[in-house]
Amino acid sequence: MSVNNIDQVLAQMRVIKAQAMGNPELSAPGISSASFSNLLKHSIDSVNQTQIQASEMKQAFELGGKEVSLAEVMVAVQKSDISFEAMVQVRNKLIDAYKEVMNMPI
């Protein structure tokens, strides 16, 4: 790992620490403070967009479009499947964490 990469990682860690401590003014420029719900919505929208793109590519290939190859279609479909599977795993972990918090004694 080069010195520049280490500096970037350290800068990101400082930003995360500042945000966790509630000091958004210490965050790096260009990085907006996003809430968890916004990050989750953005990731769900990204998975949805990937699935829409794969569906459009499949349809174009099935209709005989010359601009789309079988390899591109297969890669897009696999990418959408993997992203959806990852989203499902994150959802499952969130549900498990919620259940664990709800079962904590007060």
PDB file of N, CA and C in Angstrom:
ATOM      1  N   MET A   1       0.853  -1.168   0.000  1.00  0.00           N
ATOM      2  CA  MET A   1       0.000   0.000   0.000  1.00  0.00           C
ATOM      3  C   MET A   1       0.898   1.229   0.000  1.00  0.00           C
ATOM      4  N   SER A   2       0.602   2.184  -0.884  1.00  0.00           N
ATOM      5  CA  SER A   2       1.441   3.367  -0.982  1.00  0.00           C
ATOM      6  C   SER A   2       1.096   4.372   0.110  1.00  0.00           C
ATOM      7  N   VAL A   3       1.946   5.370   0.240  1.00  0.00           N
ATOM      8  CA  VAL A   3       1.752   6.395   1.256  1.00  0.00           C
ATOM      9  C   VAL A   3       0.471   7.173   0.984  1.00  0.00           C
ATOM     10  N   ASN A   4       0.175   7.444  -0.298  1.00  0.00           N
ATOM     11  CA  ASN A   4      -1.045   8.178  -0.640  1.00  0.00           C
ATOM     12  C   ASN A   4      -2.288   7.390  -0.235  1.00  0.00           C
ATOM     13  N   ASN A   5      -2.261   6.086  -0.469  1.00  0.00           N
ATOM     14  CA  ASN A   5      -3.408   5.253  -0.093  1.00  0.00           C
ATOM     15  C   ASN A   5      -3.600   5.240   1.412  1.00  0.00           C
ATOM     16  N   ILE A   6      -2.497   5.165   2.152  1.00  0.00           N
ATOM     17  CA  ILE A   6      -2.573   5.174   3.613  1.00  0.00           C
ATOM     18  C   ILE A   6      -3.128   6.503   4.098  1.00  0.00           C
ATOM     19  N   ASP A   7      -2.686   7.611   3.478  1.00  0.00           N
ATOM     20  CA  ASP A   7      -3.191   8.924   3.854  1.00  0.00           C
ATOM     21  C   ASP A   7      -4.682   9.043   3.582  1.00  0.00           C
ATOM     22  N   GLN A   8      -5.129   8.488   2.455  1.00  0.00           N
ATOM     23  CA  GLN A   8      -6.552   8.527   2.129  1.00  0.00           C
ATOM     24  C   GLN A   8      -7.369   7.720   3.134  1.00  0.00           C
ATOM     25  N   VAL A   9      -6.876   6.551   3.505  1.00  0.00           N
ATOM     26  CA  VAL A   9      -7.573   5.712   4.478  1.00  0.00           C
ATOM     27  C   VAL A   9      -7.631   6.420   5.823  1.00  0.00           C
ATOM     28  N   LEU A  10      -6.522   7.023   6.241  1.00  0.00           N
ATOM     29  CA  LEU A  10      -6.508   7.753   7.505  1.00  0.00           C
ATOM     30  C   LEU A  10      -7.468   8.933   7.474  1.00  0.00           C
ATOM     31  N   ALA A  11      -7.534   9.634   6.345  1.00  0.00           N
ATOM     32  CA  ALA A  11      -8.459  10.763   6.224  1.00  0.00           C
ATOM     33  C   ALA A  11      -9.901  10.291   6.330  1.00  0.00           C
ATOM     34  N   GLN A  12     -10.202   9.166   5.692  1.00  0.00           N
ATOM     35  CA  GLN A  12     -11.558   8.626   5.770  1.00  0.00           C
ATOM     36  C   GLN A  12     -11.890   8.210   7.202  1.00  0.00           C
ATOM     37  N   MET A  13     -10.916   7.625   7.890  1.00  0.00           N
ATOM     38  CA  MET A  13     -11.145   7.219   9.275  1.00  0.00           C
ATOM     39  C   MET A  13     -11.393   8.435  10.158  1.00  0.00           C
ATOM     40  N   ARG A  14     -10.677   9.522   9.907  1.00  0.00           N
ATOM     41  CA  ARG A  14     -10.886  10.740  10.691  1.00  0.00           C
ATOM     42  C   ARG A  14     -12.284  11.314  10.443  1.00  0.00           C
ATOM     43  N   VAL A  15     -12.727  11.268   9.190  1.00  0.00           N
ATOM     44  CA  VAL A  15     -14.056  11.766   8.844  1.00  0.00           C
ATOM     45  C   VAL A  15     -15.121  10.936   9.549  1.00  0.00           C
ATOM     46  N   ILE A  16     -14.971   9.625   9.516  1.00  0.00           N
ATOM     47  CA  ILE A  16     -15.941   8.737  10.165  1.00  0.00           C
ATOM     48  C   ILE A  16     -15.951   8.982  11.671  1.00  0.00           C
ATOM     49  N   LYS A  17     -14.776   9.169  12.247  1.00  0.00           N
ATOM     50  CA  LYS A  17     -14.697   9.436  13.685  1.00  0.00           C
ATOM     51  C   LYS A  17     -15.381  10.754  14.025  1.00  0.00           C
ATOM     52  N   ALA A  18     -15.149  11.774  13.197  1.00  0.00           N
ATOM     53  CA  ALA A  18     -15.765  13.077  13.450  1.00  0.00           C
ATOM     54  C   ALA A  18     -17.278  12.993  13.327  1.00  0.00           C
ATOM     55  N   GLN A  19     -17.748  12.255  12.345  1.00  0.00           N
ATOM     56  CA  GLN A  19     -19.193  12.113  12.180  1.00  0.00           C
ATOM     57  C   GLN A  19     -19.797  11.316  13.326  1.00  0.00           C
ATOM     58  N   ALA A  20     -19.095  10.309  13.791  1.00  0.00           N
ATOM     59  CA  ALA A  20     -19.599   9.496  14.899  1.00  0.00           C
ATOM     60  C   ALA A  20     -19.648  10.301  16.192  1.00  0.00           C
ATOM     61  N   MET A  21     -18.722  11.222  16.344  1.00  0.00           N
ATOM     62  CA  MET A  21     -18.694  12.035  17.547  1.00  0.00           C
ATOM     63  C   MET A  21     -19.650  13.215  17.453  1.00  0.00           C
ATOM     64  N   GLY A  22     -20.287  13.389  16.299  1.00  0.00           N
ATOM     65  CA  GLY A  22     -21.247  14.474  16.151  1.00  0.00           C
ATOM     66  C   GLY A  22     -20.629  15.790  15.768  1.00  0.00           C
ATOM     67  N   ASN A  23     -19.481  15.756  15.123  1.00  0.00           N
ATOM     68  CA  ASN A  23     -18.807  16.965  14.669  1.00  0.00           C
ATOM     69  C   ASN A  23     -18.795  17.013  13.143  1.00  0.00           C
ATOM     70  N   PRO A  24     -19.919  17.341  12.520  1.00  0.00           N
ATOM     71  CA  PRO A  24     -19.940  17.332  11.065  1.00  0.00           C
ATOM     72  C   PRO A  24     -19.054  18.400  10.449  1.00  0.00           C
ATOM     73  N   GLU A  25     -18.688  19.441  11.202  1.00  0.00           N
ATOM     74  CA  GLU A  25     -17.827  20.478  10.632  1.00  0.00           C
ATOM     75  C   GLU A  25     -16.409  19.966  10.404  1.00  0.00           C
ATOM     76  N   LEU A  26     -16.044  18.851  11.033  1.00  0.00           N
ATOM     77  CA  LEU A  26     -14.719  18.282  10.840  1.00  0.00           C
ATOM     78  C   LEU A  26     -14.676  17.313   9.669  1.00  0.00           C
ATOM     79  N   SER A  27     -15.814  17.105   9.033  1.00  0.00           N
ATOM     80  CA  SER A  27     -15.839  16.139   7.939  1.00  0.00           C
ATOM     81  C   SER A  27     -15.127  16.703   6.725  1.00  0.00           C
ATOM     82  N   ALA A  28     -14.735  15.806   5.857  1.00  0.00           N
ATOM     83  CA  ALA A  28     -13.982  16.191   4.674  1.00  0.00           C
ATOM     84  C   ALA A  28     -14.874  16.945   3.704  1.00  0.00           C
ATOM     85  N   PRO A  29     -14.290  17.853   2.928  1.00  0.00           N
ATOM     86  CA  PRO A  29     -15.096  18.569   1.949  1.00  0.00           C
ATOM     87  C   PRO A  29     -15.586  17.617   0.868  1.00  0.00           C
ATOM     88  N   GLY A  30     -16.791  17.850   0.405  1.00  0.00           N
ATOM     89  CA  GLY A  30     -17.353  17.010  -0.645  1.00  0.00           C
ATOM     90  C   GLY A  30     -18.069  15.777  -0.126  1.00  0.00           C
ATOM     91  N   ILE A  31     -17.956  15.493   1.165  1.00  0.00           N
ATOM     92  CA  ILE A  31     -18.629  14.341   1.744  1.00  0.00           C
ATOM     93  C   ILE A  31     -19.789  14.865   2.578  1.00  0.00           C
ATOM     94  N   SER A  32     -20.992  14.565   2.128  1.00  0.00           N
ATOM     95  CA  SER A  32     -22.154  15.040   2.863  1.00  0.00           C
ATOM     96  C   SER A  32     -22.474  14.055   3.984  1.00  0.00           C
ATOM     97  N   SER A  33     -22.995  14.598   5.051  1.00  0.00           N
ATOM     98  CA  SER A  33     -23.388  13.712   6.132  1.00  0.00           C
ATOM     99  C   SER A  33     -24.744  13.131   5.770  1.00  0.00           C
ATOM    100  N   ALA A  34     -24.786  11.832   5.585  1.00  0.00           N
ATOM    101  CA  ALA A  34     -26.006  11.162   5.171  1.00  0.00           C
ATOM    102  C   ALA A  34     -26.529  10.316   6.314  1.00  0.00           C
ATOM    103  N   SER A  35     -27.821  10.292   6.436  1.00  0.00           N
ATOM    104  CA  SER A  35     -28.408   9.467   7.471  1.00  0.00           C
ATOM    105  C   SER A  35     -28.428   8.019   7.004  1.00  0.00           C
ATOM    106  N   PHE A  36     -28.626   7.139   7.953  1.00  0.00           N
ATOM    107  CA  PHE A  36     -28.653   5.717   7.634  1.00  0.00           C
ATOM    108  C   PHE A  36     -29.779   5.406   6.661  1.00  0.00           C
ATOM    109  N   SER A  37     -30.927   6.027   6.862  1.00  0.00           N
ATOM    110  CA  SER A  37     -32.066   5.762   5.980  1.00  0.00           C
ATOM    111  C   SER A  37     -31.778   6.223   4.557  1.00  0.00           C
ATOM    112  N   ASN A  38     -31.074   7.355   4.409  1.00  0.00           N
ATOM    113  CA  ASN A  38     -30.715   7.813   3.069  1.00  0.00           C
ATOM    114  C   ASN A  38     -29.739   6.861   2.394  1.00  0.00           C
ATOM    115  N   LEU A  39     -28.771   6.358   3.162  1.00  0.00           N
ATOM    116  CA  LEU A  39     -27.816   5.400   2.597  1.00  0.00           C
ATOM    117  C   LEU A  39     -28.508   4.110   2.190  1.00  0.00           C
ATOM    118  N   LEU A  40     -29.437   3.654   3.010  1.00  0.00           N
ATOM    119  CA  LEU A  40     -30.179   2.438   2.700  1.00  0.00           C
ATOM    120  C   LEU A  40     -31.048   2.634   1.468  1.00  0.00           C
ATOM    121  N   LYS A  41     -31.722   3.769   1.380  1.00  0.00           N
ATOM    122  CA  LYS A  41     -32.560   4.053   0.216  1.00  0.00           C
ATOM    123  C   LYS A  41     -31.713   4.134  -1.046  1.00  0.00           C
ATOM    124  N   HIS A  42     -30.553   4.768  -0.947  1.00  0.00           N
ATOM    125  CA  HIS A  42     -29.668   4.878  -2.100  1.00  0.00           C
ATOM    126  C   HIS A  42     -29.201   3.498  -2.571  1.00  0.00           C
ATOM    127  N   SER A  43     -28.877   2.624  -1.633  1.00  0.00           N
ATOM    128  CA  SER A  43     -28.419   1.292  -2.022  1.00  0.00           C
ATOM    129  C   SER A  43     -29.551   0.478  -2.634  1.00  0.00           C
ATOM    130  N   ILE A  44     -30.765   0.607  -2.105  1.00  0.00           N
ATOM    131  CA  ILE A  44     -31.908  -0.097  -2.690  1.00  0.00           C
ATOM    132  C   ILE A  44     -32.200   0.427  -4.086  1.00  0.00           C
ATOM    133  N   ASP A  45     -32.124   1.743  -4.263  1.00  0.00           N
ATOM    134  CA  ASP A  45     -32.330   2.326  -5.594  1.00  0.00           C
ATOM    135  C   ASP A  45     -31.266   1.850  -6.575  1.00  0.00           C
ATOM    136  N   SER A  46     -30.050   1.710  -6.093  1.00  0.00           N
ATOM    137  CA  SER A  46     -28.961   1.236  -6.946  1.00  0.00           C
ATOM    138  C   SER A  46     -29.199  -0.203  -7.396  1.00  0.00           C
ATOM    139  N   VAL A  47     -29.649  -1.056  -6.478  1.00  0.00           N
ATOM    140  CA  VAL A  47     -29.965  -2.443  -6.836  1.00  0.00           C
ATOM    141  C   VAL A  47     -31.114  -2.481  -7.826  1.00  0.00           C
ATOM    142  N   ASN A  48     -32.117  -1.654  -7.597  1.00  0.00           N
ATOM    143  CA  ASN A  48     -33.251  -1.589  -8.503  1.00  0.00           C
ATOM    144  C   ASN A  48     -32.810  -1.156  -9.897  1.00  0.00           C
ATOM    145  N   GLN A  49     -31.956  -0.149  -9.968  1.00  0.00           N
ATOM    146  CA  GLN A  49     -31.462   0.329 -11.268  1.00  0.00           C
ATOM    147  C   GLN A  49     -30.662  -0.757 -11.979  1.00  0.00           C
ATOM    148  N   THR A  50     -29.880  -1.518 -11.250  1.00  0.00           N
ATOM    149  CA  THR A  50     -29.110  -2.612 -11.833  1.00  0.00           C
ATOM    150  C   THR A  50     -30.042  -3.675 -12.404  1.00  0.00           C
ATOM    151  N   GLN A  51     -31.112  -3.973 -11.692  1.00  0.00           N
ATOM    152  CA  GLN A  51     -32.071  -4.965 -12.183  1.00  0.00           C
ATOM    153  C   GLN A  51     -32.824  -4.464 -13.406  1.00  0.00           C
ATOM    154  N   ILE A  52     -33.178  -3.195 -13.427  1.00  0.00           N
ATOM    155  CA  ILE A  52     -33.861  -2.626 -14.589  1.00  0.00           C
ATOM    156  C   ILE A  52     -32.947  -2.669 -15.805  1.00  0.00           C
ATOM    157  N   GLN A  53     -31.691  -2.314 -15.613  1.00  0.00           N
ATOM    158  CA  GLN A  53     -30.730  -2.326 -16.716  1.00  0.00           C
ATOM    159  C   GLN A  53     -30.549  -3.737 -17.257  1.00  0.00           C
ATOM    160  N   ALA A  54     -30.443  -4.731 -16.380  1.00  0.00           N
ATOM    161  CA  ALA A  54     -30.282  -6.117 -16.818  1.00  0.00           C
ATOM    162  C   ALA A  54     -31.522  -6.582 -17.576  1.00  0.00           C
ATOM    163  N   SER A  55     -32.690  -6.196 -17.101  1.00  0.00           N
ATOM    164  CA  SER A  55     -33.938  -6.574 -17.771  1.00  0.00           C
ATOM    165  C   SER A  55     -34.020  -5.961 -19.162  1.00  0.00           C
ATOM    166  N   GLU A  56     -33.631  -4.700 -19.280  1.00  0.00           N
ATOM    167  CA  GLU A  56     -33.641  -4.038 -20.583  1.00  0.00           C
ATOM    168  C   GLU A  56     -32.645  -4.685 -21.540  1.00  0.00           C
ATOM    169  N   MET A  57     -31.476  -5.066 -21.020  1.00  0.00           N
ATOM    170  CA  MET A  57     -30.478  -5.719 -21.865  1.00  0.00           C
ATOM    171  C   MET A  57     -30.971  -7.084 -22.322  1.00  0.00           C
ATOM    172  N   LYS A  58     -31.624  -7.838 -21.428  1.00  0.00           N
ATOM    173  CA  LYS A  58     -32.184  -9.138 -21.815  1.00  0.00           C
ATOM    174  C   LYS A  58     -33.227  -8.977 -22.906  1.00  0.00           C
ATOM    175  N   GLN A  59     -34.095  -8.005 -22.735  1.00  0.00           N
ATOM    176  CA  GLN A  59     -35.148  -7.785 -23.714  1.00  0.00           C
ATOM    177  C   GLN A  59     -34.556  -7.372 -25.060  1.00  0.00           C
ATOM    178  N   ALA A  60     -33.559  -6.505 -25.047  1.00  0.00           N
ATOM    179  CA  ALA A  60     -32.922  -6.079 -26.294  1.00  0.00           C
ATOM    180  C   ALA A  60     -32.256  -7.259 -26.994  1.00  0.00           C
ATOM    181  N   PHE A  61     -31.619  -8.136 -26.229  1.00  0.00           N
ATOM    182  CA  PHE A  61     -30.970  -9.302 -26.828  1.00  0.00           C
ATOM    183  C   PHE A  61     -32.001 -10.265 -27.399  1.00  0.00           C
ATOM    184  N   GLU A  62     -33.098 -10.474 -26.664  1.00  0.00           N
ATOM    185  CA  GLU A  62     -34.138 -11.382 -27.128  1.00  0.00           C
ATOM    186  C   GLU A  62     -34.805 -10.875 -28.391  1.00  0.00           C
ATOM    187  N   LEU A  63     -34.882  -9.557 -28.556  1.00  0.00           N
ATOM    188  CA  LEU A  63     -35.493  -8.988 -29.752  1.00  0.00           C
ATOM    189  C   LEU A  63     -34.516  -8.909 -30.914  1.00  0.00           C
ATOM    190  N   GLY A  64     -33.295  -9.364 -30.697  1.00  0.00           N
ATOM    191  CA  GLY A  64     -32.310  -9.430 -31.771  1.00  0.00           C
ATOM    192  C   GLY A  64     -31.494  -8.171 -31.957  1.00  0.00           C
ATOM    193  N   GLY A  65     -31.375  -7.368 -30.938  1.00  0.00           N
ATOM    194  CA  GLY A  65     -30.583  -6.143 -31.030  1.00  0.00           C
ATOM    195  C   GLY A  65     -29.111  -6.459 -31.234  1.00  0.00           C
ATOM    196  N   LYS A  66     -28.504  -5.801 -32.212  1.00  0.00           N
ATOM    197  CA  LYS A  66     -27.090  -6.052 -32.536  1.00  0.00           C
ATOM    198  C   LYS A  66     -26.133  -5.333 -31.592  1.00  0.00           C
ATOM    199  N   GLU A  67     -26.636  -4.364 -30.813  1.00  0.00           N
ATOM    200  CA  GLU A  67     -25.759  -3.593 -29.931  1.00  0.00           C
ATOM    201  C   GLU A  67     -25.469  -4.297 -28.611  1.00  0.00           C
ATOM    202  N   VAL A  68     -26.159  -5.409 -28.345  1.00  0.00           N
ATOM    203  CA  VAL A  68     -25.985  -6.124 -27.082  1.00  0.00           C
ATOM    204  C   VAL A  68     -25.523  -7.543 -27.372  1.00  0.00           C
ATOM    205  N   SER A  69     -24.424  -7.936 -26.737  1.00  0.00           N
ATOM    206  CA  SER A  69     -23.932  -9.298 -26.923  1.00  0.00           C
ATOM    207  C   SER A  69     -24.411 -10.181 -25.774  1.00  0.00           C
ATOM    208  N   LEU A  70     -24.343 -11.476 -25.991  1.00  0.00           N
ATOM    209  CA  LEU A  70     -24.767 -12.431 -24.970  1.00  0.00           C
ATOM    210  C   LEU A  70     -23.906 -12.298 -23.710  1.00  0.00           C
ATOM    211  N   ALA A  71     -22.615 -12.075 -23.891  1.00  0.00           N
ATOM    212  CA  ALA A  71     -21.718 -11.935 -22.741  1.00  0.00           C
ATOM    213  C   ALA A  71     -22.103 -10.731 -21.882  1.00  0.00           C
ATOM    214  N   GLU A  72     -22.432  -9.603 -22.527  1.00  0.00           N
ATOM    215  CA  GLU A  72     -22.832  -8.414 -21.784  1.00  0.00           C
ATOM    216  C   GLU A  72     -24.120  -8.661 -21.003  1.00  0.00           C
ATOM    217  N   VAL A  73     -25.054  -9.372 -21.639  1.00  0.00           N
ATOM    218  CA  VAL A  73     -26.321  -9.680 -20.982  1.00  0.00           C
ATOM    219  C   VAL A  73     -26.084 -10.571 -19.776  1.00  0.00           C
ATOM    220  N   MET A  74     -25.272 -11.594 -19.933  1.00  0.00           N
ATOM    221  CA  MET A  74     -25.008 -12.515 -18.828  1.00  0.00           C
ATOM    222  C   MET A  74     -24.313 -11.811 -17.665  1.00  0.00           C
ATOM    223  N   VAL A  75     -23.379 -10.929 -17.971  1.00  0.00           N
ATOM    224  CA  VAL A  75     -22.687 -10.189 -16.914  1.00  0.00           C
ATOM    225  C   VAL A  75     -23.669  -9.274 -16.185  1.00  0.00           C
ATOM    226  N   ALA A  76     -24.525  -8.587 -16.933  1.00  0.00           N
ATOM    227  CA  ALA A  76     -25.499  -7.688 -16.310  1.00  0.00           C
ATOM    228  C   ALA A  76     -26.476  -8.460 -15.429  1.00  0.00           C
ATOM    229  N   VAL A  77     -26.924  -9.622 -15.888  1.00  0.00           N
ATOM    230  CA  VAL A  77     -27.855 -10.432 -15.103  1.00  0.00           C
ATOM    231  C   VAL A  77     -27.178 -10.934 -13.832  1.00  0.00           C
ATOM    232  N   GLN A  78     -25.951 -11.404 -13.935  1.00  0.00           N
ATOM    233  CA  GLN A  78     -25.237 -11.882 -12.753  1.00  0.00           C
ATOM    234  C   GLN A  78     -24.976 -10.744 -11.771  1.00  0.00           C
ATOM    235  N   LYS A  79     -24.638  -9.568 -12.299  1.00  0.00           N
ATOM    236  CA  LYS A  79     -24.401  -8.412 -11.435  1.00  0.00           C
ATOM    237  C   LYS A  79     -25.678  -8.049 -10.674  1.00  0.00           C
ATOM    238  N   SER A  80     -26.812  -8.083 -11.367  1.00  0.00           N
ATOM    239  CA  SER A  80     -28.068  -7.757 -10.684  1.00  0.00           C
ATOM    240  C   SER A  80     -28.430  -8.825  -9.659  1.00  0.00           C
ATOM    241  N   ASP A  81     -28.171 -10.091  -9.976  1.00  0.00           N
ATOM    242  CA  ASP A  81     -28.455 -11.169  -9.017  1.00  0.00           C
ATOM    243  C   ASP A  81     -27.590 -11.049  -7.765  1.00  0.00           C
ATOM    244  N   ILE A  82     -26.328 -10.766  -7.956  1.00  0.00           N
ATOM    245  CA  ILE A  82     -25.411 -10.647  -6.819  1.00  0.00           C
ATOM    246  C   ILE A  82     -25.766  -9.438  -5.958  1.00  0.00           C
ATOM    247  N   SER A  83     -26.091  -8.315  -6.596  1.00  0.00           N
ATOM    248  CA  SER A  83     -26.445  -7.129  -5.816  1.00  0.00           C
ATOM    249  C   SER A  83     -27.745  -7.344  -5.049  1.00  0.00           C
ATOM    250  N   PHE A  84     -28.710  -8.037  -5.658  1.00  0.00           N
ATOM    251  CA  PHE A  84     -29.956  -8.328  -4.959  1.00  0.00           C
ATOM    252  C   PHE A  84     -29.713  -9.270  -3.784  1.00  0.00           C
ATOM    253  N   GLU A  85     -28.895 -10.280  -4.002  1.00  0.00           N
ATOM    254  CA  GLU A  85     -28.581 -11.234  -2.928  1.00  0.00           C
ATOM    255  C   GLU A  85     -27.874 -10.526  -1.774  1.00  0.00           C
ATOM    256  N   ALA A  86     -26.975  -9.604  -2.086  1.00  0.00           N
ATOM    257  CA  ALA A  86     -26.291  -8.842  -1.040  1.00  0.00           C
ATOM    258  C   ALA A  86     -27.283  -7.976  -0.271  1.00  0.00           C
ATOM    259  N   MET A  87     -28.227  -7.364  -0.986  1.00  0.00           N
ATOM    260  CA  MET A  87     -29.234  -6.543  -0.331  1.00  0.00           C
ATOM    261  C   MET A  87     -30.097  -7.383   0.611  1.00  0.00           C
ATOM    262  N   VAL A  88     -30.441  -8.589   0.195  1.00  0.00           N
ATOM    263  CA  VAL A  88     -31.235  -9.483   1.039  1.00  0.00           C
ATOM    264  C   VAL A  88     -30.452  -9.851   2.294  1.00  0.00           C
ATOM    265  N   GLN A  89     -29.170 -10.100   2.159  1.00  0.00           N
ATOM    266  CA  GLN A  89     -28.345 -10.428   3.324  1.00  0.00           C
ATOM    267  C   GLN A  89     -28.265  -9.249   4.299  1.00  0.00           C
ATOM    268  N   VAL A  90     -28.132  -8.041   3.771  1.00  0.00           N
ATOM    269  CA  VAL A  90     -28.105  -6.856   4.634  1.00  0.00           C
ATOM    270  C   VAL A  90     -29.438  -6.707   5.348  1.00  0.00           C
ATOM    271  N   ARG A  91     -30.537  -6.924   4.632  1.00  0.00           N
ATOM    272  CA  ARG A  91     -31.854  -6.859   5.249  1.00  0.00           C
ATOM    273  C   ARG A  91     -31.974  -7.872   6.382  1.00  0.00           C
ATOM    274  N   ASN A  92     -31.506  -9.087   6.134  1.00  0.00           N
ATOM    275  CA  ASN A  92     -31.576 -10.122   7.164  1.00  0.00           C
ATOM    276  C   ASN A  92     -30.763  -9.735   8.399  1.00  0.00           C
ATOM    277  N   LYS A  93     -29.596  -9.162   8.203  1.00  0.00           N
ATOM    278  CA  LYS A  93     -28.770  -8.730   9.331  1.00  0.00           C
ATOM    279  C   LYS A  93     -29.445  -7.596  10.099  1.00  0.00           C
ATOM    280  N   LEU A  94     -30.092  -6.682   9.368  1.00  0.00           N
ATOM    281  CA  LEU A  94     -30.803  -5.595  10.036  1.00  0.00           C
ATOM    282  C   LEU A  94     -31.960  -6.129  10.868  1.00  0.00           C
ATOM    283  N   ILE A  95     -32.679  -7.088  10.342  1.00  0.00           N
ATOM    284  CA  ILE A  95     -33.785  -7.685  11.086  1.00  0.00           C
ATOM    285  C   ILE A  95     -33.269  -8.404  12.322  1.00  0.00           C
ATOM    286  N   ASP A  96     -32.169  -9.140  12.182  1.00  0.00           N
ATOM    287  CA  ASP A  96     -31.577  -9.825  13.340  1.00  0.00           C
ATOM    288  C   ASP A  96     -31.144  -8.824  14.409  1.00  0.00           C
ATOM    289  N   ALA A  97     -30.533  -7.724  13.969  1.00  0.00           N
ATOM    290  CA  ALA A  97     -30.087  -6.704  14.917  1.00  0.00           C
ATOM    291  C   ALA A  97     -31.290  -6.064  15.608  1.00  0.00           C
ATOM    292  N   TYR A  98     -32.350  -5.813  14.860  1.00  0.00           N
ATOM    293  CA  TYR A  98     -33.563  -5.238  15.450  1.00  0.00           C
ATOM    294  C   TYR A  98     -34.153  -6.174  16.498  1.00  0.00           C
ATOM    295  N   LYS A  99     -34.228  -7.452  16.154  1.00  0.00           N
ATOM    296  CA  LYS A  99     -34.769  -8.426  17.108  1.00  0.00           C
ATOM    297  C   LYS A  99     -33.911  -8.497  18.370  1.00  0.00           C
ATOM    298  N   GLU A 100     -32.607  -8.436  18.191  1.00  0.00           N
ATOM    299  CA  GLU A 100     -31.704  -8.495  19.339  1.00  0.00           C
ATOM    300  C   GLU A 100     -31.885  -7.269  20.249  1.00  0.00           C
ATOM    301  N   VAL A 101     -32.029  -6.105  19.628  1.00  0.00           N
ATOM    302  CA  VAL A 101     -32.238  -4.895  20.412  1.00  0.00           C
ATOM    303  C   VAL A 101     -33.576  -4.940  21.125  1.00  0.00           C
ATOM    304  N   MET A 102     -34.586  -5.448  20.458  1.00  0.00           N
ATOM    305  CA  MET A 102     -35.913  -5.526  21.071  1.00  0.00           C
ATOM    306  C   MET A 102     -35.965  -6.527  22.233  1.00  0.00           C
ATOM    307  N   ASN A 103     -35.110  -7.517  22.198  1.00  0.00           N
ATOM    308  CA  ASN A 103     -35.086  -8.524  23.276  1.00  0.00           C
ATOM    309  C   ASN A 103     -34.178  -8.147  24.435  1.00  0.00           C
ATOM    310  N   MET A 104     -33.505  -7.001  24.341  1.00  0.00           N
ATOM    311  CA  MET A 104     -32.639  -6.554  25.440  1.00  0.00           C
ATOM    312  C   MET A 104     -33.487  -6.117  26.634  1.00  0.00           C
ATOM    313  N   PRO A 105     -33.048  -6.481  27.825  1.00  0.00           N
ATOM    314  CA  PRO A 105     -33.785  -6.001  28.996  1.00  0.00           C
ATOM    315  C   PRO A 105     -33.531  -4.515  29.215  1.00  0.00           C
ATOM    316  N   ILE A 106     -34.535  -3.853  29.766  1.00  0.00           N
ATOM    317  CA  ILE A 106     -34.404  -2.406  29.979  1.00  0.00           C
ATOM    318  C   ILE A 106     -33.783  -2.112  31.315  1.00  0.00           C
TER     319      ILE A 106
END
